[in-house]
PDB file of all heavy atoms in Angstrom:
ATOM      1  N   GLN A   1      -2.367  -8.243   6.510  1.00  0.00           N
ATOM      2  CA  GLN A   1      -1.356  -7.344   6.356  1.00  0.00           C
ATOM      3  C   GLN A   1      -1.498  -6.596   5.011  1.00  0.00           C
ATOM      4  O   GLN A   1      -1.290  -5.489   4.963  1.00  0.00           O
ATOM      5  CB  GLN A   1      -0.046  -8.211   6.285  1.00  0.00           C
ATOM      6  CG  GLN A   1       1.128  -7.424   6.796  1.00  0.00           C
ATOM      7  CD  GLN A   1       2.378  -8.245   6.917  1.00  0.00           C
ATOM      8  OE1 GLN A   1       2.679  -9.161   6.084  1.00  0.00           O
ATOM      9  NE2 GLN A   1       2.903  -8.285   8.130  1.00  0.00           N
ATOM     10  N   VAL A   2      -1.794  -7.370   3.952  1.00  0.00           N
ATOM     11  CA  VAL A   2      -2.206  -6.718   2.655  1.00  0.00           C
ATOM     12  C   VAL A   2      -3.302  -5.690   2.707  1.00  0.00           C
ATOM     13  O   VAL A   2      -3.233  -4.496   2.276  1.00  0.00           O
ATOM     14  CB  VAL A   2      -2.526  -7.714   1.554  1.00  0.00           C
ATOM     15  CG1 VAL A   2      -2.744  -7.056   0.241  1.00  0.00           C
ATOM     16  CG2 VAL A   2      -1.393  -8.690   1.436  1.00  0.00           C
ATOM     17  N   LEU A   3      -4.371  -6.051   3.485  1.00  0.00           N
ATOM     18  CA  LEU A   3      -5.477  -5.102   3.632  1.00  0.00           C
ATOM     19  C   LEU A   3      -5.121  -3.880   4.388  1.00  0.00           C
ATOM     20  O   LEU A   3      -5.272  -2.746   3.967  1.00  0.00           O
ATOM     21  CB  LEU A   3      -6.565  -5.882   4.404  1.00  0.00           C
ATOM     22  CG  LEU A   3      -7.769  -4.986   4.899  1.00  0.00           C
ATOM     23  CD1 LEU A   3      -8.493  -4.352   3.796  1.00  0.00           C
ATOM     24  CD2 LEU A   3      -8.724  -5.797   5.809  1.00  0.00           C
ATOM     25  N   GLU A   4      -4.265  -4.053   5.526  1.00  0.00           N
ATOM     26  CA  GLU A   4      -3.856  -2.858   6.203  1.00  0.00           C
ATOM     27  C   GLU A   4      -2.924  -1.948   5.439  1.00  0.00           C
ATOM     28  O   GLU A   4      -3.012  -0.719   5.460  1.00  0.00           O
ATOM     29  CB  GLU A   4      -3.172  -3.276   7.573  1.00  0.00           C
ATOM     30  CG  GLU A   4      -4.162  -3.976   8.609  1.00  0.00           C
ATOM     31  CD  GLU A   4      -3.399  -4.605   9.769  1.00  0.00           C
ATOM     32  OE1 GLU A   4      -2.109  -4.689   9.736  1.00  0.00           O
ATOM     33  OE2 GLU A   4      -4.118  -5.089  10.548  1.00  0.00           O
ATOM     34  N   THR A   5      -2.028  -2.575   4.581  1.00  0.00           N
ATOM     35  CA  THR A   5      -1.178  -1.813   3.784  1.00  0.00           C
ATOM     36  C   THR A   5      -1.892  -0.940   2.741  1.00  0.00           C
ATOM     37  O   THR A   5      -1.639   0.238   2.527  1.00  0.00           O
ATOM     38  CB  THR A   5      -0.275  -2.756   3.074  1.00  0.00           C
ATOM     39  OG1 THR A   5       0.577  -3.490   3.924  1.00  0.00           O
ATOM     40  CG2 THR A   5       0.845  -1.951   2.207  1.00  0.00           C
ATOM     41  N   LEU A   6      -2.932  -1.576   2.080  1.00  0.00           N
ATOM     42  CA  LEU A   6      -3.743  -0.922   1.112  1.00  0.00           C
ATOM     43  C   LEU A   6      -4.485   0.288   1.901  1.00  0.00           C
ATOM     44  O   LEU A   6      -4.593   1.374   1.290  1.00  0.00           O
ATOM     45  CB  LEU A   6      -4.719  -1.798   0.425  1.00  0.00           C
ATOM     46  CG  LEU A   6      -4.210  -2.680  -0.633  1.00  0.00           C
ATOM     47  CD1 LEU A   6      -5.151  -3.758  -1.122  1.00  0.00           C
ATOM     48  CD2 LEU A   6      -3.669  -1.879  -1.752  1.00  0.00           C
ATOM     49  N   GLU A   7      -5.049   0.038   3.013  1.00  0.00           N
ATOM     50  CA  GLU A   7      -5.755   1.060   3.670  1.00  0.00           C
ATOM     51  C   GLU A   7      -4.865   2.283   3.987  1.00  0.00           C
ATOM     52  O   GLU A   7      -5.194   3.442   3.944  1.00  0.00           O
ATOM     53  CB  GLU A   7      -6.470   0.541   4.902  1.00  0.00           C
ATOM     54  CG  GLU A   7      -7.658  -0.353   4.531  1.00  0.00           C
ATOM     55  CD  GLU A   7      -8.430  -0.768   5.839  1.00  0.00           C
ATOM     56  OE1 GLU A   7      -7.811  -1.043   6.898  1.00  0.00           O
ATOM     57  OE2 GLU A   7      -9.652  -0.868   5.728  1.00  0.00           O
ATOM     58  N   GLN A   8      -3.638   1.943   4.521  1.00  0.00           N
ATOM     59  CA  GLN A   8      -2.695   3.010   4.840  1.00  0.00           C
ATOM     60  C   GLN A   8      -2.279   3.877   3.593  1.00  0.00           C
ATOM     61  O   GLN A   8      -2.241   5.083   3.600  1.00  0.00           O
ATOM     62  CB  GLN A   8      -1.499   2.400   5.554  1.00  0.00           C
ATOM     63  CG  GLN A   8      -1.751   1.781   6.832  1.00  0.00           C
ATOM     64  CD  GLN A   8      -0.497   1.051   7.356  1.00  0.00           C
ATOM     65  OE1 GLN A   8       0.423   0.943   6.731  1.00  0.00           O
ATOM     66  NE2 GLN A   8      -0.787   0.403   8.584  1.00  0.00           N
ATOM     67  N   LEU A   9      -2.157   3.120   2.460  1.00  0.00           N
ATOM     68  CA  LEU A   9      -1.745   3.824   1.279  1.00  0.00           C
ATOM     69  C   LEU A   9      -2.882   4.687   0.787  1.00  0.00           C
ATOM     70  O   LEU A   9      -2.744   5.934   0.315  1.00  0.00           O
ATOM     71  CB  LEU A   9      -1.492   2.830   0.198  1.00  0.00           C
ATOM     72  CG  LEU A   9      -0.189   2.087   0.192  1.00  0.00           C
ATOM     73  CD1 LEU A   9      -0.026   0.987  -0.763  1.00  0.00           C
ATOM     74  CD2 LEU A   9       0.962   3.059   0.064  1.00  0.00           C
ATOM     75  N   LEU A  10      -4.192   4.272   1.007  1.00  0.00           N
ATOM     76  CA  LEU A  10      -5.250   5.066   0.517  1.00  0.00           C
ATOM     77  C   LEU A  10      -5.620   6.375   1.382  1.00  0.00           C
ATOM     78  O   LEU A  10      -6.229   7.209   0.911  1.00  0.00           O
ATOM     79  CB  LEU A  10      -6.596   4.234   0.468  1.00  0.00           C
ATOM     80  CG  LEU A  10      -6.625   3.237  -0.732  1.00  0.00           C
ATOM     81  CD1 LEU A  10      -7.752   2.273  -0.323  1.00  0.00           C
ATOM     82  CD2 LEU A  10      -6.838   4.063  -1.911  1.00  0.00           C
ATOM     83  N   VAL A  11      -4.954   6.441   2.536  1.00  0.00           N
ATOM     84  CA  VAL A  11      -5.075   7.508   3.367  1.00  0.00           C
ATOM     85  C   VAL A  11      -4.410   8.881   2.811  1.00  0.00           C
ATOM     86  O   VAL A  11      -4.861   9.947   2.923  1.00  0.00           O
ATOM     87  CB  VAL A  11      -4.549   7.405   4.789  1.00  0.00           C
ATOM     88  CG1 VAL A  11      -4.438   8.567   5.599  1.00  0.00           C
ATOM     89  CG2 VAL A  11      -5.320   6.240   5.607  1.00  0.00           C
ATOM     90  N   ASN A  12      -3.298   8.553   2.087  1.00  0.00           N
ATOM     91  CA  ASN A  12      -2.442   9.623   1.596  1.00  0.00           C
ATOM     92  C   ASN A  12      -2.570   9.896   0.091  1.00  0.00           C
ATOM     93  O   ASN A  12      -1.871  10.818  -0.404  1.00  0.00           O
ATOM     94  CB  ASN A  12      -1.003   9.346   2.074  1.00  0.00           C
ATOM     95  CG  ASN A  12      -0.851   9.369   3.508  1.00  0.00           C
ATOM     96  OD1 ASN A  12      -1.422  10.132   4.230  1.00  0.00           O
ATOM     97  ND2 ASN A  12      -0.079   8.324   3.976  1.00  0.00           N
ATOM     98  N   ARG A  13      -3.243   9.033  -0.574  1.00  0.00           N
ATOM     99  CA  ARG A  13      -3.331   9.217  -2.090  1.00  0.00           C
ATOM    100  C   ARG A  13      -4.571   8.752  -2.696  1.00  0.00           C
ATOM    101  O   ARG A  13      -5.256   7.999  -2.069  1.00  0.00           O
ATOM    102  CB  ARG A  13      -2.136   8.454  -2.746  1.00  0.00           C
ATOM    103  CG  ARG A  13      -2.198   6.856  -2.397  1.00  0.00           C
ATOM    104  CD  ARG A  13      -0.854   6.250  -2.875  1.00  0.00           C
ATOM    105  NE  ARG A  13       0.135   6.613  -1.877  1.00  0.00           N
ATOM    106  CZ  ARG A  13       1.402   6.306  -2.044  1.00  0.00           C
ATOM    107  NH1 ARG A  13       1.795   5.671  -3.151  1.00  0.00           N
ATOM    108  NH2 ARG A  13       2.387   6.529  -1.172  1.00  0.00           N
ATOM    109  N   ALA A  14      -4.934   9.268  -3.809  1.00  0.00           N
ATOM    110  CA  ALA A  14      -6.148   8.994  -4.353  1.00  0.00           C
ATOM    111  C   ALA A  14      -6.227   7.788  -5.162  1.00  0.00           C
ATOM    112  O   ALA A  14      -7.347   7.148  -5.422  1.00  0.00           O
ATOM    113  CB  ALA A  14      -6.563  10.157  -5.354  1.00  0.00           C
ATOM    114  N   GLU A  15      -5.070   7.172  -5.447  1.00  0.00           N
ATOM    115  CA  GLU A  15      -5.033   5.926  -6.098  1.00  0.00           C
ATOM    116  C   GLU A  15      -3.794   5.208  -5.831  1.00  0.00           C
ATOM    117  O   GLU A  15      -2.771   5.830  -5.455  1.00  0.00           O
ATOM    118  CB  GLU A  15      -5.169   6.053  -7.626  1.00  0.00           C
ATOM    119  CG  GLU A  15      -3.904   6.621  -8.423  1.00  0.00           C
ATOM    120  CD  GLU A  15      -3.992   6.642  -9.813  1.00  0.00           C
ATOM    121  OE1 GLU A  15      -5.180   6.775 -10.391  1.00  0.00           O
ATOM    122  OE2 GLU A  15      -2.964   6.522 -10.520  1.00  0.00           O
ATOM    123  N   VAL A  16      -3.823   3.904  -5.813  1.00  0.00           N
ATOM    124  CA  VAL A  16      -2.635   3.102  -5.469  1.00  0.00           C
ATOM    125  C   VAL A  16      -2.370   2.103  -6.637  1.00  0.00           C
ATOM    126  O   VAL A  16      -3.249   1.548  -7.290  1.00  0.00           O
ATOM    127  CB  VAL A  16      -3.068   2.052  -4.312  1.00  0.00           C
ATOM    128  CG1 VAL A  16      -1.897   1.282  -3.909  1.00  0.00           C
ATOM    129  CG2 VAL A  16      -3.455   2.884  -3.103  1.00  0.00           C
ATOM    130  N   THR A  17      -1.110   2.259  -7.245  1.00  0.00           N
ATOM    131  CA  THR A  17      -0.648   1.382  -8.231  1.00  0.00           C
ATOM    132  C   THR A  17      -0.012   0.115  -7.611  1.00  0.00           C
ATOM    133  O   THR A  17       0.329  -0.061  -6.537  1.00  0.00           O
ATOM    134  CB  THR A  17       0.404   2.189  -9.090  1.00  0.00           C
ATOM    135  OG1 THR A  17       1.563   2.405  -8.361  1.00  0.00           O
ATOM    136  CG2 THR A  17      -0.237   3.499  -9.498  1.00  0.00           C
ATOM    137  N   THR A  18       0.157  -0.862  -8.645  1.00  0.00           N
ATOM    138  CA  THR A  18       0.813  -1.972  -8.321  1.00  0.00           C
ATOM    139  C   THR A  18       2.213  -1.688  -7.672  1.00  0.00           C
ATOM    140  O   THR A  18       2.756  -2.279  -6.723  1.00  0.00           O
ATOM    141  CB  THR A  18       0.988  -2.878  -9.563  1.00  0.00           C
ATOM    142  OG1 THR A  18      -0.321  -3.149 -10.183  1.00  0.00           O
ATOM    143  CG2 THR A  18       1.633  -4.242  -9.116  1.00  0.00           C
ATOM    144  N   LEU A  19       2.827  -0.854  -8.252  1.00  0.00           N
ATOM    145  CA  LEU A  19       4.277  -0.573  -7.826  1.00  0.00           C
ATOM    146  C   LEU A  19       4.254   0.269  -6.430  1.00  0.00           C
ATOM    147  O   LEU A  19       5.041  -0.103  -5.560  1.00  0.00           O
ATOM    148  CB  LEU A  19       4.877   0.493  -8.799  1.00  0.00           C
ATOM    149  CG  LEU A  19       6.512   0.549  -8.817  1.00  0.00           C
ATOM    150  CD1 LEU A  19       7.065  -0.807  -8.922  1.00  0.00           C
ATOM    151  CD2 LEU A  19       6.930   1.511  -9.843  1.00  0.00           C
ATOM    152  N   ASP A  20       3.171   0.970  -6.037  1.00  0.00           N
ATOM    153  CA  ASP A  20       2.996   1.578  -4.776  1.00  0.00           C
ATOM    154  C   ASP A  20       2.971   0.391  -3.686  1.00  0.00           C
ATOM    155  O   ASP A  20       3.591   0.377  -2.642  1.00  0.00           O
ATOM    156  CB  ASP A  20       1.723   2.394  -4.664  1.00  0.00           C
ATOM    157  CG  ASP A  20       1.878   3.727  -5.471  1.00  0.00           C
ATOM    158  OD1 ASP A  20       2.909   4.133  -5.663  1.00  0.00           O
ATOM    159  OD2 ASP A  20       0.867   4.125  -5.930  1.00  0.00           O
ATOM    160  N   LEU A  21       2.080  -0.601  -4.065  1.00  0.00           N
ATOM    161  CA  LEU A  21       1.957  -1.801  -3.178  1.00  0.00           C
ATOM    162  C   LEU A  21       3.207  -2.530  -2.921  1.00  0.00           C
ATOM    163  O   LEU A  21       3.524  -2.859  -1.864  1.00  0.00           O
ATOM    164  CB  LEU A  21       0.816  -2.708  -3.695  1.00  0.00           C
ATOM    165  CG  LEU A  21       0.453  -3.785  -2.789  1.00  0.00           C
ATOM    166  CD1 LEU A  21      -0.050  -3.364  -1.506  1.00  0.00           C
ATOM    167  CD2 LEU A  21      -0.583  -4.716  -3.394  1.00  0.00           C
ATOM    168  N   LEU A  22       3.877  -2.703  -4.064  1.00  0.00           N
ATOM    169  CA  LEU A  22       5.191  -3.432  -4.074  1.00  0.00           C
ATOM    170  C   LEU A  22       6.122  -2.807  -3.097  1.00  0.00           C
ATOM    171  O   LEU A  22       6.940  -3.398  -2.340  1.00  0.00           O
ATOM    172  CB  LEU A  22       5.746  -3.491  -5.406  1.00  0.00           C
ATOM    173  CG  LEU A  22       7.068  -4.196  -5.692  1.00  0.00           C
ATOM    174  CD1 LEU A  22       7.086  -4.872  -7.113  1.00  0.00           C
ATOM    175  CD2 LEU A  22       8.300  -3.169  -5.637  1.00  0.00           C
ATOM    176  N   GLN A  23       6.257  -1.344  -3.123  1.00  0.00           N
ATOM    177  CA  GLN A  23       7.152  -0.747  -2.204  1.00  0.00           C
ATOM    178  C   GLN A  23       6.758  -0.722  -0.813  1.00  0.00           C
ATOM    179  O   GLN A  23       7.460  -0.435   0.169  1.00  0.00           O
ATOM    180  CB  GLN A  23       7.279   0.753  -2.828  1.00  0.00           C
ATOM    181  CG  GLN A  23       7.962   0.897  -4.018  1.00  0.00           C
ATOM    182  CD  GLN A  23       8.053   2.217  -4.592  1.00  0.00           C
ATOM    183  OE1 GLN A  23       7.083   2.830  -5.054  1.00  0.00           O
ATOM    184  NE2 GLN A  23       9.270   2.935  -4.384  1.00  0.00           N
ATOM    185  N   ALA A  24       5.406  -0.879  -0.560  1.00  0.00           N
ATOM    186  CA  ALA A  24       4.817  -0.621   0.773  1.00  0.00           C
ATOM    187  C   ALA A  24       4.703  -1.975   1.593  1.00  0.00           C
ATOM    188  O   ALA A  24       4.755  -1.798   2.907  1.00  0.00           O
ATOM    189  CB  ALA A  24       3.589   0.029   0.799  1.00  0.00           C
ATOM    190  N   LEU A  25       4.524  -2.999   1.096  1.00  0.00           N
ATOM    191  CA  LEU A  25       4.205  -4.224   1.863  1.00  0.00           C
ATOM    192  C   LEU A  25       5.366  -4.616   2.789  1.00  0.00           C
ATOM    193  O   LEU A  25       6.542  -4.588   2.263  1.00  0.00           O
ATOM    194  CB  LEU A  25       3.923  -5.373   0.974  1.00  0.00           C
ATOM    195  CG  LEU A  25       2.583  -5.699   0.527  1.00  0.00           C
ATOM    196  CD1 LEU A  25       2.402  -6.708  -0.449  1.00  0.00           C
ATOM    197  CD2 LEU A  25       1.700  -6.048   1.840  1.00  0.00           C
ATOM    198  N   PRO A  26       5.103  -4.901   4.004  1.00  0.00           N
ATOM    199  CA  PRO A  26       6.293  -5.230   4.960  1.00  0.00           C
ATOM    200  C   PRO A  26       6.744  -6.553   4.709  1.00  0.00           C
ATOM    201  O   PRO A  26       6.089  -7.404   4.144  1.00  0.00           O
ATOM    202  CB  PRO A  26       5.558  -5.131   6.306  1.00  0.00           C
ATOM    203  CG  PRO A  26       4.135  -5.376   6.032  1.00  0.00           C
ATOM    204  CD  PRO A  26       3.965  -4.802   4.761  1.00  0.00           C
ATOM    205  N   GLY A  27       7.901  -6.886   5.124  1.00  0.00           N
ATOM    206  CA  GLY A  27       8.561  -8.229   5.060  1.00  0.00           C
ATOM    207  C   GLY A  27      10.130  -8.085   4.761  1.00  0.00           C
ATOM    208  O   GLY A  27      10.397  -7.286   3.820  1.00  0.00           O
ATOM    209  N   GLU A  28      10.911  -8.851   5.347  1.00  0.00           N
ATOM    210  CA  GLU A  28      12.312  -8.704   4.953  1.00  0.00           C
ATOM    211  C   GLU A  28      12.673  -9.255   3.526  1.00  0.00           C
ATOM    212  O   GLU A  28      13.464  -8.689   2.954  1.00  0.00           O
ATOM    213  CB  GLU A  28      13.107  -9.482   6.054  1.00  0.00           C
ATOM    214  CG  GLU A  28      13.106  -9.019   7.439  1.00  0.00           C
ATOM    215  CD  GLU A  28      14.027  -9.745   8.299  1.00  0.00           C
ATOM    216  OE1 GLU A  28      14.649 -10.677   7.957  1.00  0.00           O
ATOM    217  OE2 GLU A  28      13.993  -9.427   9.624  1.00  0.00           O
TER     218      GLU A  28
END
């Protein structure tokens, strides 16, 4: 799930920050 989230983020941006990942990971 983490891998897929990172790959999706990289589609739309040149870099991914820790905060980006925090906002994007799924889970209630």
